[in-house]
Structure formats: structure tokens, C-alpha cells
Amino acid sequence: MRHRVKGRKLSRTAAHRKSTMQALTMALVKEHRIVTTVAKAKELRGFVEPLITRAKEDTHHNRRQVFSKVQNKEVVNLLFNEVGPKAKDRPGGYTRVIKAGFRKGDGAEMAVIELVDYNDIKPEGSSDTKRKRTRRAGKSNTSVPTTPAENKTTETEPKKTTAKEEEAEGAEETVDEAEPTTEENTDEEE
């Protein structure tokens, strides 16, 4: 039983685990979103969130504490100048782990870990611009006949349909062939 055993070994030595967490932290702070395995993402969340909590208050002591974990001045400056001020009002939960399927090579379960305050992705249901809906059959044939010879051919053309149009009509389960078109009505009146 694994009672009171904290953390994941990630099949690495202690020094290699520390180096992996530092590298993942640097990538997450610089890019705001990275793709990694679920185990590494969950372990990274426990490593980086206390650093962001310290970065909310910019003191000399906090900078030294964060630097002792990350060992990179550029990342420390990014944490204290960008990430910390954005997370000022948030009481915790600065990262989000989203499962992203399985890796093709070895089948490892992948995840996206991102900083919550830098989220640019909109949910699928809410889009600002609505897409124009189009039919599968394509454009409709609404040409105006000019000569009497063309009038006879246009009356027979609506009865001919392509395979795509038949599929579209079958999907809609409506048949409009029985109704006369406006062109036929105008021809009969003349």
C-alpha cells in the first residue's frame, strides 16, 4: 500500500525529476500552455502553483525562494512581472489540466496543462460569429429563360436531379416535385 507517499516517481531519479519539473515549469511560464503526459501534468501542477502563489507578492525573499526551485532568472521575472499580477485576485487553482487523448507512438495518455488566466480558447457552443449554413447540394439553379425554346427545356430540368440532390432531398424527407414552380405558373398565364 502507498499510504502517505506523496508525488510521482515518473520513472526518474530524484535529480532527473527535479530537472524535468524545472524544464516543464519554464515551458509553461513562457508558453502559457504545454502538452505533456497526464502524470507529468498533474505533478507539474503541484510544483508550479506554489511558485505562482509566491509570485503574487513581489518581495526579495519570494524571488529567492522561486529562483531556488526554477534556477532561471528569465522565468522568475516572467512569474513576478506577468503571471503573478494576473493571478492576484485568484485564491488558487492557477492551472488547468485537460486530457487530450492518447499518444500515437506509445499510447501514453496525454494532457494539456495551461495557465487559467491566459485562456484564449472559447467553448465550442459559444461563438461570436455564426457560420453561414450551406446545403450539401450546392447552389440552386435559378436562371431566367430568354427564348421560347429554352422555356420547354427549363420545365423538364427540375425533374432531373443529381445523386447529391437526391441524398439531400432524402435526408430532408420532403418532396417538392408535386408543387409547380413560379416559372411554370408564369408560362401558363402567357
Protein backbone atom coordinates (compact mmCIF):
# COMPACT_ATOMS: atom_id res chain seq x y z
CA MET A 1 0.00 0.00 0.00
CA ARG A 2 1.15 3.52 -0.81
CA HIS A 3 -0.15 5.30 2.27
CA ARG A 4 1.37 8.74 2.91
CA VAL A 5 3.65 8.54 -0.12
CA LYS A 6 3.49 11.89 -1.87
CA GLY A 7 4.29 12.54 -5.51
CA ARG A 8 5.02 10.50 -8.60
CA LYS A 9 8.39 8.98 -9.42
CA LEU A 10 7.89 9.32 -13.21
CA SER A 11 10.50 6.55 -13.73
CA ARG A 12 13.29 9.00 -12.93
CA THR A 13 15.89 9.55 -10.27
CA ALA A 14 15.36 12.43 -7.84
CA ALA A 15 17.73 14.73 -9.73
CA HIS A 16 16.13 13.87 -13.06
CA ARG A 17 12.63 14.52 -11.62
CA LYS A 18 13.78 17.91 -10.32
CA SER A 19 15.26 18.79 -13.71
CA THR A 20 12.09 17.66 -15.51
CA MET A 21 9.89 19.82 -13.28
CA GLN A 22 12.17 22.83 -13.83
CA ALA A 23 12.05 22.37 -17.60
CA LEU A 24 8.27 21.93 -17.66
CA THR A 25 7.83 24.99 -15.43
CA MET A 26 9.98 27.11 -17.74
CA ALA A 27 7.98 25.96 -20.76
CA LEU A 28 4.63 26.57 -19.05
CA VAL A 29 5.53 30.07 -17.86
CA LYS A 30 6.91 31.09 -21.27
CA GLU A 31 4.21 29.50 -23.47
CA HIS A 32 1.22 29.54 -21.04
CA ARG A 33 0.12 26.13 -22.41
CA ILE A 34 2.02 22.88 -22.96
CA VAL A 35 1.15 19.31 -23.99
CA THR A 36 2.62 16.52 -21.87
CA THR A 37 1.55 13.25 -20.25
CA VAL A 38 -1.20 13.28 -17.64
CA ALA A 39 1.16 12.13 -14.86
CA LYS A 40 3.68 14.89 -15.62
CA ALA A 41 0.91 17.49 -15.92
CA LYS A 42 -0.56 16.58 -12.54
CA GLU A 43 2.87 16.57 -10.93
CA LEU A 44 3.72 19.91 -12.57
CA ARG A 45 0.53 21.43 -11.20
CA GLY A 46 1.69 20.66 -7.66
CA PHE A 47 5.12 22.11 -8.44
CA VAL A 48 4.18 25.36 -10.20
CA GLU A 49 1.13 26.53 -8.23
CA PRO A 50 3.07 27.34 -5.03
CA LEU A 51 5.52 29.30 -7.19
CA ILE A 52 2.68 31.37 -8.65
CA THR A 53 1.31 31.95 -5.15
CA ARG A 54 4.70 33.35 -4.12
CA ALA A 55 4.86 35.43 -7.32
CA LYS A 56 1.67 37.27 -6.33
CA GLU A 57 3.67 39.23 -3.73
CA ASP A 58 6.89 40.66 -5.17
CA THR A 59 9.42 40.61 -2.33
CA HIS A 60 13.11 39.90 -2.34
CA HIS A 61 12.57 36.79 -0.21
CA ASN A 62 9.87 35.40 -2.54
CA ARG A 63 12.08 35.95 -5.58
CA ARG A 64 14.90 33.98 -3.93
CA GLN A 65 12.54 31.15 -2.95
CA VAL A 66 11.16 30.87 -6.50
CA PHE A 67 14.65 31.08 -8.01
CA SER A 68 15.81 28.21 -5.77
CA LYS A 69 13.15 25.98 -7.40
CA VAL A 70 13.36 27.19 -11.03
CA GLN A 71 17.03 28.26 -11.45
CA ASN A 72 16.20 30.63 -14.33
CA LYS A 73 16.19 34.44 -13.99
CA GLU A 74 14.07 35.00 -17.10
CA VAL A 75 11.31 32.71 -15.82
CA VAL A 76 11.44 34.30 -12.36
CA ASN A 77 10.99 37.74 -13.94
CA LEU A 78 8.07 36.48 -16.04
CA LEU A 79 6.46 34.95 -12.97
CA PHE A 80 6.72 38.12 -10.90
CA ASN A 81 6.03 40.66 -13.67
CA GLU A 82 3.30 38.92 -15.72
CA VAL A 83 1.83 35.78 -14.17
CA GLY A 84 1.75 36.94 -10.54
CA PRO A 85 -0.13 40.21 -11.17
CA LYS A 86 -2.68 38.41 -13.38
CA ALA A 87 -3.31 35.84 -10.65
CA LYS A 88 -3.56 38.48 -7.89
CA ASP A 89 -7.33 38.05 -7.37
CA ARG A 90 -7.39 34.28 -7.77
CA PRO A 91 -7.11 32.37 -4.45
CA GLY A 92 -5.57 29.28 -6.07
CA GLY A 93 -6.07 26.91 -8.97
CA TYR A 94 -3.86 28.81 -11.40
CA THR A 95 -3.52 25.89 -13.82
CA ARG A 96 -5.95 23.68 -15.68
CA VAL A 97 -5.27 20.10 -16.83
CA ILE A 98 -7.33 18.91 -19.81
CA LYS A 99 -6.99 15.33 -21.02
CA ALA A 100 -6.12 15.20 -24.71
CA GLY A 101 -6.30 11.58 -25.81
CA PHE A 102 -3.51 9.08 -26.27
CA ARG A 103 -0.11 9.47 -27.90
CA LYS A 104 0.19 7.54 -31.14
CA GLY A 105 3.70 6.20 -30.57
CA ASP A 106 3.38 4.52 -27.19
CA GLY A 107 -0.26 5.00 -26.18
CA ALA A 108 0.57 7.29 -23.26
CA GLU A 109 -2.36 9.37 -22.02
CA MET A 110 -1.70 13.00 -22.95
CA ALA A 111 -2.94 16.22 -21.38
CA VAL A 112 -2.80 19.95 -21.96
CA ILE A 113 -1.80 21.99 -18.93
CA GLU A 114 -2.41 25.71 -19.20
CA LEU A 115 -2.45 28.81 -17.05
CA VAL A 116 -6.09 29.71 -16.39
CA ASP A 117 -5.67 33.49 -16.71
CA TYR A 118 -4.18 33.14 -20.20
CA ASN A 119 -7.06 31.11 -21.66
CA ASP A 120 -7.82 32.22 -25.25
CA ILE A 121 -9.90 29.22 -26.29
CA LYS A 122 -13.67 29.75 -26.38
CA PRO A 123 -16.07 26.91 -25.56
CA GLU A 124 -17.46 25.10 -28.60
CA GLY A 125 -21.06 26.22 -28.06
CA SER A 126 -20.43 29.97 -27.82
CA SER A 127 -19.05 31.61 -30.92
CA ASP A 128 -19.23 35.32 -31.66
CA THR A 129 -19.56 34.93 -35.41
CA LYS A 130 -22.12 32.48 -36.72
CA ARG A 131 -21.12 30.38 -39.68
CA LYS A 132 -23.28 30.59 -42.77
CA ARG A 133 -25.20 27.37 -43.23
CA THR A 134 -24.96 25.83 -46.67
CA ARG A 135 -26.70 22.87 -48.25
CA ARG A 136 -24.77 19.86 -49.39
CA ALA A 137 -26.32 20.04 -52.88
CA GLY A 138 -24.66 23.36 -53.62
CA LYS A 139 -26.14 26.36 -55.39
CA SER A 140 -29.70 26.27 -56.73
CA ASN A 141 -30.42 26.73 -60.44
CA THR A 142 -32.47 29.96 -60.70
CA SER A 143 -31.76 31.12 -64.24
CA VAL A 144 -34.39 33.14 -66.15
CA PRO A 145 -35.17 31.71 -69.63
CA THR A 146 -34.87 34.15 -72.52
CA THR A 147 -36.27 32.30 -75.56
CA PRO A 148 -39.33 30.03 -76.00
CA ALA A 149 -37.08 27.07 -76.88
CA GLU A 150 -35.36 27.37 -73.51
CA ASN A 151 -38.74 27.55 -71.74
CA LYS A 152 -39.51 23.96 -72.76
CA THR A 153 -36.18 22.68 -71.53
CA THR A 154 -36.40 24.50 -68.21
CA GLU A 155 -39.73 22.86 -67.44
CA THR A 156 -38.15 19.41 -67.68
CA GLU A 157 -34.91 20.30 -65.90
CA PRO A 158 -36.30 20.50 -62.33
CA LYS A 159 -37.32 16.84 -62.63
CA LYS A 160 -33.73 15.79 -63.31
CA THR A 161 -31.63 15.66 -60.16
CA THR A 162 -28.11 14.63 -59.39
CA ALA A 163 -27.18 11.98 -56.86
CA LYS A 164 -26.16 14.62 -54.32
CA GLU A 165 -29.51 16.38 -54.62
CA GLU A 166 -31.35 13.08 -54.17
CA GLU A 167 -29.39 12.45 -50.97
CA ALA A 168 -30.19 15.93 -49.71
CA GLU A 169 -33.88 15.50 -50.51
CA GLY A 170 -33.89 12.06 -48.91
CA ALA A 171 -32.31 13.47 -45.76
CA GLU A 172 -34.91 16.21 -45.56
CA GLU A 173 -37.74 13.70 -46.26
CA THR A 174 -39.67 16.27 -48.29
CA VAL A 175 -40.60 16.08 -51.94
CA ASP A 176 -41.20 19.37 -53.72
CA GLU A 177 -41.70 17.94 -57.23
CA ALA A 178 -45.51 17.92 -56.92
CA GLU A 179 -45.68 21.68 -56.40
CA PRO A 180 -45.50 23.84 -59.55
CA THR A 181 -42.69 26.37 -59.57
CA THR A 182 -43.22 30.07 -60.11
CA GLU A 183 -41.66 29.84 -63.58
CA GLU A 184 -44.27 27.27 -64.67
CA ASN A 185 -47.11 29.46 -63.36
CA THR A 186 -45.88 32.49 -65.31
CA ASP A 187 -45.53 30.44 -68.51
CA GLU A 188 -49.13 29.19 -68.32
CA GLU A 189 -50.52 32.72 -67.87
CA GLU A 190 -48.81 33.98 -71.04
